[in-house]
């Protein structure tokens, strides 16, 4: 009875309500004690709730594609690590990684717009650094960079079934809580750069940027490594991956065009450990400048 009375009392409001005033109408329902309308409250908090819902559905589709495609490329990785020589395996595996990234982006209906590729010499090793917004950054880097490289990865990733098998053999892992392991990872990265001529990729922020700031604080590791090895720092600035797969949103993705920009590598020849803060700030300002130019 109370509910019927309420509907009669709101009849006049319904007749007078305009199409573009649906939110206010929903809220009038939500405020009444006998007829709670949770969706109206959610709609008030986030006007794009339907878009968020679609991005979640698309994210589930993307996850399914990623899992299925992994079982396509996994035998290729196993074959390479089993039969290829230790020297050749990283280069062959990198080609598989680039193929896999291309397959994923094709299935995700995501195009790539990478500027400045000509600034990177595919025959030379670099210490690559990159800002980090989302899970899309890793396959994006694989497509943006022709050079064979190794990511510096958290040791926790090696505990993921099957993926851990690939990471342990393809990348360099570090237990950030273990001082001795951190020292060993630095040596492994130096050997990769100087002996094997295989580049290293480090996200200087240390983790995905989940804030509203364009960058979070940089750690010294990448810049100390570049100076110790006297190799140039090459910077890929990712423009908009956070819009495609937000770090604070679970399982969301959308199609579109991912953008990234290479800038001229910064030489470290004759730099010393005293130059680490200066180099770190130089890289930080370079990324901020590129983000500012591409913010429109």
C-alpha atoms as a PDB file:
ATOM      1  CA  UNK A   1       0.000   0.000   0.000  1.00  0.00           C
ATOM      2  CA  UNK A   2       2.785   2.409   0.922  1.00  0.00           C
ATOM      3  CA  UNK A   3       4.474   1.648  -2.346  1.00  0.00           C
ATOM      4  CA  UNK A   4       1.300   2.388  -4.369  1.00  0.00           C
ATOM      5  CA  UNK A   5       0.812   5.649  -2.500  1.00  0.00           C
ATOM      6  CA  UNK A   6       4.343   6.607  -3.253  1.00  0.00           C
ATOM      7  CA  UNK A   7       3.908   5.927  -6.986  1.00  0.00           C
ATOM      8  CA  UNK A   8       0.745   8.047  -7.090  1.00  0.00           C
ATOM      9  CA  UNK A   9       2.533  10.897  -5.299  1.00  0.00           C
ATOM     10  CA  UNK A  10       5.298  10.765  -7.866  1.00  0.00           C
ATOM     11  CA  UNK A  11       2.994  10.583 -10.905  1.00  0.00           C
ATOM     12  CA  UNK A  12       3.093  14.336 -11.410  1.00  0.00           C
ATOM     13  CA  UNK A  13       6.898  14.323 -11.220  1.00  0.00           C
ATOM     14  CA  UNK A  14       7.102  11.569 -13.810  1.00  0.00           C
ATOM     15  CA  UNK A  15       4.870  13.443 -16.282  1.00  0.00           C
ATOM     16  CA  UNK A  16       6.843  16.691 -15.909  1.00  0.00           C
ATOM     17  CA  UNK A  17      10.270  15.055 -15.991  1.00  0.00           C
ATOM     18  CA  UNK A  18      12.251  15.650 -19.158  1.00  0.00           C
ATOM     19  CA  UNK A  19      14.425  13.083 -20.874  1.00  0.00           C
ATOM     20  CA  UNK A  20      17.630  14.833 -19.839  1.00  0.00           C
ATOM     21  CA  UNK A  21      16.522  14.894 -16.182  1.00  0.00           C
ATOM     22  CA  UNK A  22      16.469  11.155 -15.579  1.00  0.00           C
ATOM     23  CA  UNK A  23      19.130  11.308 -12.911  1.00  0.00           C
ATOM     24  CA  UNK A  24      17.073  13.625 -10.714  1.00  0.00           C
ATOM     25  CA  UNK A  25      14.057  11.370 -11.176  1.00  0.00           C
ATOM     26  CA  UNK A  26      16.025   8.322 -10.139  1.00  0.00           C
ATOM     27  CA  UNK A  27      17.249  10.130  -7.057  1.00  0.00           C
ATOM     28  CA  UNK A  28      13.716  11.044  -6.020  1.00  0.00           C
ATOM     29  CA  UNK A  29      12.936   7.344  -5.994  1.00  0.00           C
ATOM     30  CA  UNK A  30      16.137   6.526  -4.146  1.00  0.00           C
ATOM     31  CA  UNK A  31      15.430   8.972  -1.332  1.00  0.00           C
ATOM     32  CA  UNK A  32      12.067   7.432  -0.459  1.00  0.00           C
ATOM     33  CA  UNK A  33      12.311   4.950   2.468  1.00  0.00           C
ATOM     34  CA  UNK A  34       9.970   2.408   0.877  1.00  0.00           C
ATOM     35  CA  UNK A  35      11.672   2.226  -2.488  1.00  0.00           C
ATOM     36  CA  UNK A  36      15.440   2.140  -2.451  1.00  0.00           C
ATOM     37  CA  UNK A  37      17.047   2.335  -5.882  1.00  0.00           C
ATOM     38  CA  UNK A  38      20.764   1.498  -5.553  1.00  0.00           C
ATOM     39  CA  UNK A  39      21.450   1.991  -9.259  1.00  0.00           C
ATOM     40  CA  UNK A  40      20.405   5.645  -9.036  1.00  0.00           C
ATOM     41  CA  UNK A  41      22.909   6.222  -6.271  1.00  0.00           C
ATOM     42  CA  UNK A  42      25.621   4.553  -8.314  1.00  0.00           C
ATOM     43  CA  UNK A  43      24.632   6.626 -11.332  1.00  0.00           C
ATOM     44  CA  UNK A  44      24.939   9.788  -9.276  1.00  0.00           C
ATOM     45  CA  UNK A  45      28.446   8.846  -8.185  1.00  0.00           C
ATOM     46  CA  UNK A  46      29.589   7.876 -11.675  1.00  0.00           C
ATOM     47  CA  UNK A  47      27.780   9.215 -14.723  1.00  0.00           C
ATOM     48  CA  UNK A  48      29.703   6.745 -16.903  1.00  0.00           C
ATOM     49  CA  UNK A  49      28.677   3.613 -15.015  1.00  0.00           C
ATOM     50  CA  UNK A  50      27.408   1.971 -18.205  1.00  0.00           C
ATOM     51  CA  UNK A  51      30.747   2.638 -19.911  1.00  0.00           C
ATOM     52  CA  UNK A  52      32.537   1.136 -16.903  1.00  0.00           C
ATOM     53  CA  UNK A  53      30.325  -1.937 -17.176  1.00  0.00           C
ATOM     54  CA  UNK A  54      31.135  -2.340 -20.873  1.00  0.00           C
ATOM     55  CA  UNK A  55      34.865  -1.951 -20.165  1.00  0.00           C
ATOM     56  CA  UNK A  56      34.613  -4.728 -17.577  1.00  0.00           C
ATOM     57  CA  UNK A  57      32.877  -7.022 -20.074  1.00  0.00           C
ATOM     58  CA  UNK A  58      35.541  -6.221 -22.652  1.00  0.00           C
ATOM     59  CA  UNK A  59      38.210  -6.869 -20.021  1.00  0.00           C
ATOM     60  CA  UNK A  60      36.807 -10.343 -19.403  1.00  0.00           C
ATOM     61  CA  UNK A  61      36.852 -10.977 -23.146  1.00  0.00           C
ATOM     62  CA  UNK A  62      40.480  -9.798 -23.258  1.00  0.00           C
ATOM     63  CA  UNK A  63      41.443 -12.053 -20.366  1.00  0.00           C
ATOM     64  CA  UNK A  64      39.932 -15.027 -22.180  1.00  0.00           C
ATOM     65  CA  UNK A  65      41.880 -14.171 -25.337  1.00  0.00           C
ATOM     66  CA  UNK A  66      45.106 -13.782 -23.362  1.00  0.00           C
ATOM     67  CA  UNK A  67      44.721 -17.175 -21.692  1.00  0.00           C
ATOM     68  CA  UNK A  68      43.864 -18.950 -24.957  1.00  0.00           C
ATOM     69  CA  UNK A  69      46.718 -17.262 -26.850  1.00  0.00           C
ATOM     70  CA  UNK A  70      49.161 -18.141 -24.075  1.00  0.00           C
ATOM     71  CA  UNK A  71      48.570 -21.818 -24.769  1.00  0.00           C
ATOM     72  CA  UNK A  72      49.469 -21.109 -28.406  1.00  0.00           C
ATOM     73  CA  UNK A  73      52.799 -19.413 -27.663  1.00  0.00           C
ATOM     74  CA  UNK A  74      53.780 -21.479 -24.617  1.00  0.00           C
ATOM     75  CA  UNK A  75      54.964 -24.504 -26.679  1.00  0.00           C
ATOM     76  CA  UNK A  76      57.106 -22.092 -28.722  1.00  0.00           C
ATOM     77  CA  UNK A  77      58.795 -20.771 -25.582  1.00  0.00           C
ATOM     78  CA  UNK A  78      59.362 -24.307 -24.275  1.00  0.00           C
ATOM     79  CA  UNK A  79      60.889 -25.392 -27.593  1.00  0.00           C
ATOM     80  CA  UNK A  80      63.219 -22.388 -27.648  1.00  0.00           C
ATOM     81  CA  UNK A  81      64.397 -22.782 -24.066  1.00  0.00           C
ATOM     82  CA  UNK A  82      64.836 -26.533 -24.575  1.00  0.00           C
ATOM     83  CA  UNK A  83      66.579 -26.721 -27.948  1.00  0.00           C
ATOM     84  CA  UNK A  84      68.105 -23.295 -28.677  1.00  0.00           C
ATOM     85  CA  UNK A  85      71.529 -22.423 -27.321  1.00  0.00           C
ATOM     86  CA  UNK A  86      71.740 -20.227 -24.242  1.00  0.00           C
ATOM     87  CA  UNK A  87      73.141 -17.400 -26.369  1.00  0.00           C
ATOM     88  CA  UNK A  88      70.449 -17.532 -29.058  1.00  0.00           C
ATOM     89  CA  UNK A  89      67.405 -18.321 -26.890  1.00  0.00           C
ATOM     90  CA  UNK A  90      66.715 -14.735 -25.664  1.00  0.00           C
ATOM     91  CA  UNK A  91      66.727 -13.358 -29.221  1.00  0.00           C
ATOM     92  CA  UNK A  92      64.402 -16.056 -30.518  1.00  0.00           C
ATOM     93  CA  UNK A  93      62.093 -15.756 -27.502  1.00  0.00           C
ATOM     94  CA  UNK A  94      61.894 -11.988 -28.020  1.00  0.00           C
ATOM     95  CA  UNK A  95      60.448 -12.584 -31.488  1.00  0.00           C
ATOM     96  CA  UNK A  96      57.783 -14.826 -29.954  1.00  0.00           C
ATOM     97  CA  UNK A  97      56.975 -12.124 -27.388  1.00  0.00           C
ATOM     98  CA  UNK A  98      56.575  -9.519 -30.121  1.00  0.00           C
ATOM     99  CA  UNK A  99      54.324 -11.869 -32.104  1.00  0.00           C
ATOM    100  CA  UNK A 100      52.216 -12.555 -29.024  1.00  0.00           C
ATOM    101  CA  UNK A 101      51.873  -8.836 -28.248  1.00  0.00           C
ATOM    102  CA  UNK A 102      50.773  -8.164 -31.820  1.00  0.00           C
ATOM    103  CA  UNK A 103      48.230 -10.985 -31.636  1.00  0.00           C
ATOM    104  CA  UNK A 104      46.806  -9.619 -28.389  1.00  0.00           C
ATOM    105  CA  UNK A 105      46.453  -6.069 -29.645  1.00  0.00           C
ATOM    106  CA  UNK A 106      44.809  -7.302 -32.844  1.00  0.00           C
ATOM    107  CA  UNK A 107      42.258  -9.292 -30.850  1.00  0.00           C
ATOM    108  CA  UNK A 108      41.762  -6.384 -28.434  1.00  0.00           C
ATOM    109  CA  UNK A 109      41.061  -4.010 -31.378  1.00  0.00           C
ATOM    110  CA  UNK A 110      43.871  -1.770 -30.133  1.00  0.00           C
ATOM    111  CA  UNK A 111      46.041   0.096 -32.627  1.00  0.00           C
ATOM    112  CA  UNK A 112      49.502   1.425 -31.787  1.00  0.00           C
ATOM    113  CA  UNK A 113      50.881   4.853 -32.596  1.00  0.00           C
ATOM    114  CA  UNK A 114      54.608   4.793 -31.751  1.00  0.00           C
ATOM    115  CA  UNK A 115      56.634   7.871 -32.649  1.00  0.00           C
ATOM    116  CA  UNK A 116      60.418   8.227 -32.757  1.00  0.00           C
ATOM    117  CA  UNK A 117      61.332   4.596 -33.511  1.00  0.00           C
ATOM    118  CA  UNK A 118      64.156   5.810 -35.750  1.00  0.00           C
ATOM    119  CA  UNK A 119      65.921   7.276 -32.692  1.00  0.00           C
ATOM    120  CA  UNK A 120      66.713   3.804 -31.326  1.00  0.00           C
ATOM    121  CA  UNK A 121      69.552   1.770 -32.881  1.00  0.00           C
ATOM    122  CA  UNK A 122      68.319  -1.847 -33.042  1.00  0.00           C
ATOM    123  CA  UNK A 123      71.894  -3.165 -32.913  1.00  0.00           C
ATOM    124  CA  UNK A 124      72.927  -1.503 -29.637  1.00  0.00           C
ATOM    125  CA  UNK A 125      72.089  -2.285 -26.001  1.00  0.00           C
ATOM    126  CA  UNK A 126      70.362   0.371 -23.873  1.00  0.00           C
ATOM    127  CA  UNK A 127      69.023   0.847 -20.418  1.00  0.00           C
ATOM    128  CA  UNK A 128      65.384   1.394 -21.369  1.00  0.00           C
ATOM    129  CA  UNK A 129      63.117   3.294 -19.002  1.00  0.00           C
ATOM    130  CA  UNK A 130      59.409   3.839 -19.298  1.00  0.00           C
ATOM    131  CA  UNK A 131      56.552   5.323 -17.290  1.00  0.00           C
ATOM    132  CA  UNK A 132      54.079   2.740 -16.084  1.00  0.00           C
ATOM    133  CA  UNK A 133      50.281   3.120 -16.034  1.00  0.00           C
ATOM    134  CA  UNK A 134      48.749  -0.256 -16.775  1.00  0.00           C
ATOM    135  CA  UNK A 135      49.157  -3.905 -17.699  1.00  0.00           C
ATOM    136  CA  UNK A 136      49.104  -2.882 -21.355  1.00  0.00           C
ATOM    137  CA  UNK A 137      52.552  -1.284 -20.962  1.00  0.00           C
ATOM    138  CA  UNK A 138      54.417  -4.601 -21.182  1.00  0.00           C
ATOM    139  CA  UNK A 139      53.016  -5.816 -24.539  1.00  0.00           C
ATOM    140  CA  UNK A 140      53.130  -2.209 -25.757  1.00  0.00           C
ATOM    141  CA  UNK A 141      56.856  -2.061 -25.053  1.00  0.00           C
ATOM    142  CA  UNK A 142      57.365  -5.383 -26.825  1.00  0.00           C
ATOM    143  CA  UNK A 143      55.828  -3.900 -29.969  1.00  0.00           C
ATOM    144  CA  UNK A 144      57.513  -0.517 -29.607  1.00  0.00           C
ATOM    145  CA  UNK A 145      61.035  -1.936 -29.241  1.00  0.00           C
ATOM    146  CA  UNK A 146      62.782  -4.048 -31.874  1.00  0.00           C
ATOM    147  CA  UNK A 147      65.858  -4.526 -29.661  1.00  0.00           C
ATOM    148  CA  UNK A 148      66.032  -7.750 -27.679  1.00  0.00           C
ATOM    149  CA  UNK A 149      65.586  -6.849 -24.025  1.00  0.00           C
ATOM    150  CA  UNK A 150      64.970  -8.215 -20.567  1.00  0.00           C
ATOM    151  CA  UNK A 151      62.506  -6.744 -18.108  1.00  0.00           C
ATOM    152  CA  UNK A 152      63.470  -6.427 -14.479  1.00  0.00           C
ATOM    153  CA  UNK A 153      60.598  -8.310 -12.881  1.00  0.00           C
ATOM    154  CA  UNK A 154      59.429  -8.875  -9.325  1.00  0.00           C
ATOM    155  CA  UNK A 155      60.203 -12.374  -8.114  1.00  0.00           C
ATOM    156  CA  UNK A 156      56.535 -12.828  -7.182  1.00  0.00           C
ATOM    157  CA  UNK A 157      55.701 -13.149 -10.897  1.00  0.00           C
ATOM    158  CA  UNK A 158      57.713 -16.375 -11.100  1.00  0.00           C
ATOM    159  CA  UNK A 159      55.179 -18.030  -8.793  1.00  0.00           C
ATOM    160  CA  UNK A 160      52.415 -17.725 -11.406  1.00  0.00           C
ATOM    161  CA  UNK A 161      51.964 -21.136 -13.095  1.00  0.00           C
ATOM    162  CA  UNK A 162      53.445 -21.373 -16.613  1.00  0.00           C
ATOM    163  CA  UNK A 163      54.033 -17.614 -16.853  1.00  0.00           C
ATOM    164  CA  UNK A 164      56.625 -18.007 -14.112  1.00  0.00           C
ATOM    165  CA  UNK A 165      58.436 -20.563 -16.281  1.00  0.00           C
ATOM    166  CA  UNK A 166      58.819 -17.999 -19.079  1.00  0.00           C
ATOM    167  CA  UNK A 167      59.718 -15.085 -16.800  1.00  0.00           C
ATOM    168  CA  UNK A 168      62.499 -16.993 -15.024  1.00  0.00           C
ATOM    169  CA  UNK A 169      64.142 -17.865 -18.340  1.00  0.00           C
ATOM    170  CA  UNK A 170      63.480 -14.702 -20.295  1.00  0.00           C
ATOM    171  CA  UNK A 171      63.767 -11.854 -17.790  1.00  0.00           C
ATOM    172  CA  UNK A 172      65.752 -10.897 -14.693  1.00  0.00           C
ATOM    173  CA  UNK A 173      63.935 -11.260 -11.397  1.00  0.00           C
ATOM    174  CA  UNK A 174      64.594  -9.567  -8.078  1.00  0.00           C
ATOM    175  CA  UNK A 175      63.394 -10.083  -4.546  1.00  0.00           C
ATOM    176  CA  UNK A 176      63.154  -6.476  -3.468  1.00  0.00           C
ATOM    177  CA  UNK A 177      63.015  -7.457   0.202  1.00  0.00           C
ATOM    178  CA  UNK A 178      66.321  -9.313  -0.005  1.00  0.00           C
ATOM    179  CA  UNK A 179      69.441  -7.116  -0.100  1.00  0.00           C
ATOM    180  CA  UNK A 180      71.659  -9.943  -1.353  1.00  0.00           C
ATOM    181  CA  UNK A 181      69.265 -10.770  -4.195  1.00  0.00           C
ATOM    182  CA  UNK A 182      69.073  -7.094  -5.187  1.00  0.00           C
ATOM    183  CA  UNK A 183      72.862  -7.038  -5.516  1.00  0.00           C
ATOM    184  CA  UNK A 184      72.804 -10.216  -7.627  1.00  0.00           C
ATOM    185  CA  UNK A 185      70.133  -8.779  -9.929  1.00  0.00           C
ATOM    186  CA  UNK A 186      72.304  -5.710 -10.560  1.00  0.00           C
ATOM    187  CA  UNK A 187      75.179  -7.964 -11.569  1.00  0.00           C
ATOM    188  CA  UNK A 188      72.908 -10.024 -13.840  1.00  0.00           C
ATOM    189  CA  UNK A 189      71.689  -6.847 -15.534  1.00  0.00           C
ATOM    190  CA  UNK A 190      75.251  -5.620 -16.048  1.00  0.00           C
ATOM    191  CA  UNK A 191      76.237  -8.955 -17.583  1.00  0.00           C
ATOM    192  CA  UNK A 192      73.194  -8.852 -19.860  1.00  0.00           C
ATOM    193  CA  UNK A 193      74.131  -5.401 -21.124  1.00  0.00           C
ATOM    194  CA  UNK A 194      77.903  -5.745 -21.432  1.00  0.00           C
ATOM    195  CA  UNK A 195      78.461  -9.431 -22.180  1.00  0.00           C
ATOM    196  CA  UNK A 196      75.318 -10.513 -24.012  1.00  0.00           C
ATOM    197  CA  UNK A 197      74.471  -7.122 -25.541  1.00  0.00           C
ATOM    198  CA  UNK A 198      70.865  -7.542 -24.430  1.00  0.00           C
ATOM    199  CA  UNK A 199      69.100  -4.398 -23.230  1.00  0.00           C
ATOM    200  CA  UNK A 200      67.367  -3.996 -19.886  1.00  0.00           C
ATOM    201  CA  UNK A 201      63.928  -2.456 -19.332  1.00  0.00           C
ATOM    202  CA  UNK A 202      63.180  -0.854 -15.978  1.00  0.00           C
ATOM    203  CA  UNK A 203      60.108   1.045 -14.839  1.00  0.00           C
ATOM    204  CA  UNK A 204      61.810   3.700 -12.666  1.00  0.00           C
ATOM    205  CA  UNK A 205      58.603   4.308 -10.717  1.00  0.00           C
ATOM    206  CA  UNK A 206      58.924   0.754  -9.425  1.00  0.00           C
ATOM    207  CA  UNK A 207      55.219  -0.018  -9.823  1.00  0.00           C
ATOM    208  CA  UNK A 208      52.145   1.120 -11.723  1.00  0.00           C
ATOM    209  CA  UNK A 209      51.143   4.719 -11.159  1.00  0.00           C
ATOM    210  CA  UNK A 210      47.770   4.572  -9.395  1.00  0.00           C
ATOM    211  CA  UNK A 211      47.651   8.296  -8.575  1.00  0.00           C
ATOM    212  CA  UNK A 212      46.310  11.334 -10.418  1.00  0.00           C
ATOM    213  CA  UNK A 213      49.874  12.605 -10.879  1.00  0.00           C
ATOM    214  CA  UNK A 214      51.563  12.110 -14.263  1.00  0.00           C
ATOM    215  CA  UNK A 215      54.512  10.389 -12.530  1.00  0.00           C
ATOM    216  CA  UNK A 216      55.330   9.068  -9.090  1.00  0.00           C
ATOM    217  CA  UNK A 217      58.784   9.198  -7.502  1.00  0.00           C
ATOM    218  CA  UNK A 218      61.624   7.559  -9.428  1.00  0.00           C
ATOM    219  CA  UNK A 219      64.019   5.064  -7.887  1.00  0.00           C
ATOM    220  CA  UNK A 220      67.764   5.252  -8.573  1.00  0.00           C
ATOM    221  CA  UNK A 221      68.329   1.722  -9.906  1.00  0.00           C
ATOM    222  CA  UNK A 222      67.945   2.302 -13.656  1.00  0.00           C
ATOM    223  CA  UNK A 223      70.140   5.391 -13.647  1.00  0.00           C
ATOM    224  CA  UNK A 224      72.826   3.855 -11.486  1.00  0.00           C
ATOM    225  CA  UNK A 225      72.896   0.853 -13.839  1.00  0.00           C
ATOM    226  CA  UNK A 226      73.240   3.092 -16.913  1.00  0.00           C
ATOM    227  CA  UNK A 227      76.128   5.021 -15.349  1.00  0.00           C
ATOM    228  CA  UNK A 228      77.887   1.892 -14.068  1.00  0.00           C
ATOM    229  CA  UNK A 229      77.767   0.338 -17.551  1.00  0.00           C
ATOM    230  CA  UNK A 230      78.325   3.679 -19.344  1.00  0.00           C
ATOM    231  CA  UNK A 231      75.434   2.880 -21.663  1.00  0.00           C
ATOM    232  CA  UNK A 232      72.771   5.353 -22.837  1.00  0.00           C
ATOM    233  CA  UNK A 233      69.334   5.675 -21.285  1.00  0.00           C
ATOM    234  CA  UNK A 234      66.561   5.349 -23.875  1.00  0.00           C
ATOM    235  CA  UNK A 235      63.142   6.654 -22.862  1.00  0.00           C
ATOM    236  CA  UNK A 236      59.735   5.500 -24.045  1.00  0.00           C
ATOM    237  CA  UNK A 237      56.970   7.773 -22.804  1.00  0.00           C
ATOM    238  CA  UNK A 238      53.590   6.056 -22.764  1.00  0.00           C
ATOM    239  CA  UNK A 239      50.842   8.615 -23.269  1.00  0.00           C
ATOM    240  CA  UNK A 240      47.499   7.007 -22.568  1.00  0.00           C
ATOM    241  CA  UNK A 241      47.607   3.352 -21.500  1.00  0.00           C
ATOM    242  CA  UNK A 242      45.959   4.323 -18.214  1.00  0.00           C
ATOM    243  CA  UNK A 243      42.811   5.200 -20.139  1.00  0.00           C
ATOM    244  CA  UNK A 244      42.650   1.715 -21.668  1.00  0.00           C
ATOM    245  CA  UNK A 245      43.301  -0.401 -18.602  1.00  0.00           C
ATOM    246  CA  UNK A 246      43.161   1.757 -15.450  1.00  0.00           C
ATOM    247  CA  UNK A 247      45.388   0.567 -12.591  1.00  0.00           C
ATOM    248  CA  UNK A 248      42.626   1.214 -10.043  1.00  0.00           C
ATOM    249  CA  UNK A 249      39.903  -0.593 -11.995  1.00  0.00           C
ATOM    250  CA  UNK A 250      39.700  -4.365 -11.859  1.00  0.00           C
ATOM    251  CA  UNK A 251      39.622  -6.180 -15.171  1.00  0.00           C
ATOM    252  CA  UNK A 252      38.775  -3.258 -17.456  1.00  0.00           C
ATOM    253  CA  UNK A 253      39.863  -2.615 -21.029  1.00  0.00           C
ATOM    254  CA  UNK A 254      38.665  -0.746 -24.083  1.00  0.00           C
ATOM    255  CA  UNK A 255      39.657  -0.662 -27.771  1.00  0.00           C
ATOM    256  CA  UNK A 256      41.270   2.355 -29.427  1.00  0.00           C
ATOM    257  CA  UNK A 257      44.744   3.724 -30.170  1.00  0.00           C
ATOM    258  CA  UNK A 258      47.608   3.404 -27.695  1.00  0.00           C
ATOM    259  CA  UNK A 259      50.196   6.155 -28.054  1.00  0.00           C
ATOM    260  CA  UNK A 260      53.855   6.252 -27.055  1.00  0.00           C
ATOM    261  CA  UNK A 261      56.856   8.400 -27.956  1.00  0.00           C
ATOM    262  CA  UNK A 262      60.569   7.628 -28.125  1.00  0.00           C
ATOM    263  CA  UNK A 263      62.982  10.499 -27.497  1.00  0.00           C
ATOM    264  CA  UNK A 264      66.708  10.721 -28.198  1.00  0.00           C
ATOM    265  CA  UNK A 265      68.753   8.490 -25.849  1.00  0.00           C
ATOM    266  CA  UNK A 266      70.744  10.230 -23.134  1.00  0.00           C
ATOM    267  CA  UNK A 267      74.446   9.271 -23.124  1.00  0.00           C
ATOM    268  CA  UNK A 268      76.087   8.455 -19.792  1.00  0.00           C
ATOM    269  CA  UNK A 269      79.716   8.367 -20.955  1.00  0.00           C
ATOM    270  CA  UNK A 270      82.036   9.873 -18.306  1.00  0.00           C
ATOM    271  CA  UNK A 271      79.210  10.176 -15.777  1.00  0.00           C
ATOM    272  CA  UNK A 272      79.849   8.971 -12.229  1.00  0.00           C
ATOM    273  CA  UNK A 273      77.633   7.874  -9.350  1.00  0.00           C
ATOM    274  CA  UNK A 274      77.466  11.516  -8.298  1.00  0.00           C
ATOM    275  CA  UNK A 275      75.475  12.196 -11.482  1.00  0.00           C
ATOM    276  CA  UNK A 276      72.656   9.751 -10.618  1.00  0.00           C
ATOM    277  CA  UNK A 277      70.295  12.449  -9.190  1.00  0.00           C
ATOM    278  CA  UNK A 278      70.943  14.719 -12.175  1.00  0.00           C
ATOM    279  CA  UNK A 279      70.326  11.929 -14.701  1.00  0.00           C
ATOM    280  CA  UNK A 280      67.202  10.808 -12.884  1.00  0.00           C
ATOM    281  CA  UNK A 281      65.778  14.332 -12.924  1.00  0.00           C
ATOM    282  CA  UNK A 282      66.711  14.785 -16.594  1.00  0.00           C
ATOM    283  CA  UNK A 283      64.769  11.651 -17.548  1.00  0.00           C
ATOM    284  CA  UNK A 284      61.843  12.656 -15.362  1.00  0.00           C
ATOM    285  CA  UNK A 285      61.614  16.091 -16.994  1.00  0.00           C
ATOM    286  CA  UNK A 286      61.881  14.529 -20.456  1.00  0.00           C
ATOM    287  CA  UNK A 287      58.876  12.284 -19.780  1.00  0.00           C
ATOM    288  CA  UNK A 288      56.872  15.149 -18.268  1.00  0.00           C
ATOM    289  CA  UNK A 289      57.570  17.320 -21.313  1.00  0.00           C
ATOM    290  CA  UNK A 290      56.371  14.613 -23.714  1.00  0.00           C
ATOM    291  CA  UNK A 291      53.253  14.009 -21.630  1.00  0.00           C
ATOM    292  CA  UNK A 292      52.542  17.738 -21.567  1.00  0.00           C
ATOM    293  CA  UNK A 293      52.909  18.051 -25.361  1.00  0.00           C
ATOM    294  CA  UNK A 294      50.549  15.133 -25.931  1.00  0.00           C
ATOM    295  CA  UNK A 295      47.944  15.946 -23.274  1.00  0.00           C
ATOM    296  CA  UNK A 296      45.604  17.708 -25.672  1.00  0.00           C
END
